[in-house]
């Protein structure tokens, strides 16, 4: 009976190595990546859309796999909010979902980047970024390629180096 379903086991899956227990920066995600994911983008096939739009990766009506967004997630002011409280926020849920679609330290192996570029993987929403040099793709790649130092959490002050000047409150988002 099982033979009718294709029979046998699939070949072994080889997973790419991850970041060894490291985390990506919550601060950089909140200030730089999340805005790119909720922005209305001009699509290569024409028209416009947002990753967080209803029908795509929207948390309520989205059909876009495990990656889910809350478009209305409020920014978390870490100067007055504890990290435990921040982890309960909608913004953190966006961060956690995006980090879960990433291979920490390897943007080219991460669905967060390969799917919207349609690089070796299908994306139900089609191609979102024309190429890896679009501002949004560069923000995502930069974020994934710079995990927080070993032993430090996603709220590490080391994330300041991801901004120019090195201050998340006043700096601009680095992409190189």
Foldseek 3Di string as FASTA:
>chain_A
DCVVVVDDDDDDDDDDAAPVPFAFALLLCLPPQLVQQLDWAAAPVGDTDHCCDACHQDPPRHPPPQQHAPSPFDDDDCVPDPVVRVCVGRSVVNRVSQRVQARAQDLVSGCNQCDLCVPVDDGPVHHGDVDCPDSNNLSSVQRRNDTDDPPDHNHDLVCLVQFVVSDSVPGDGDRD
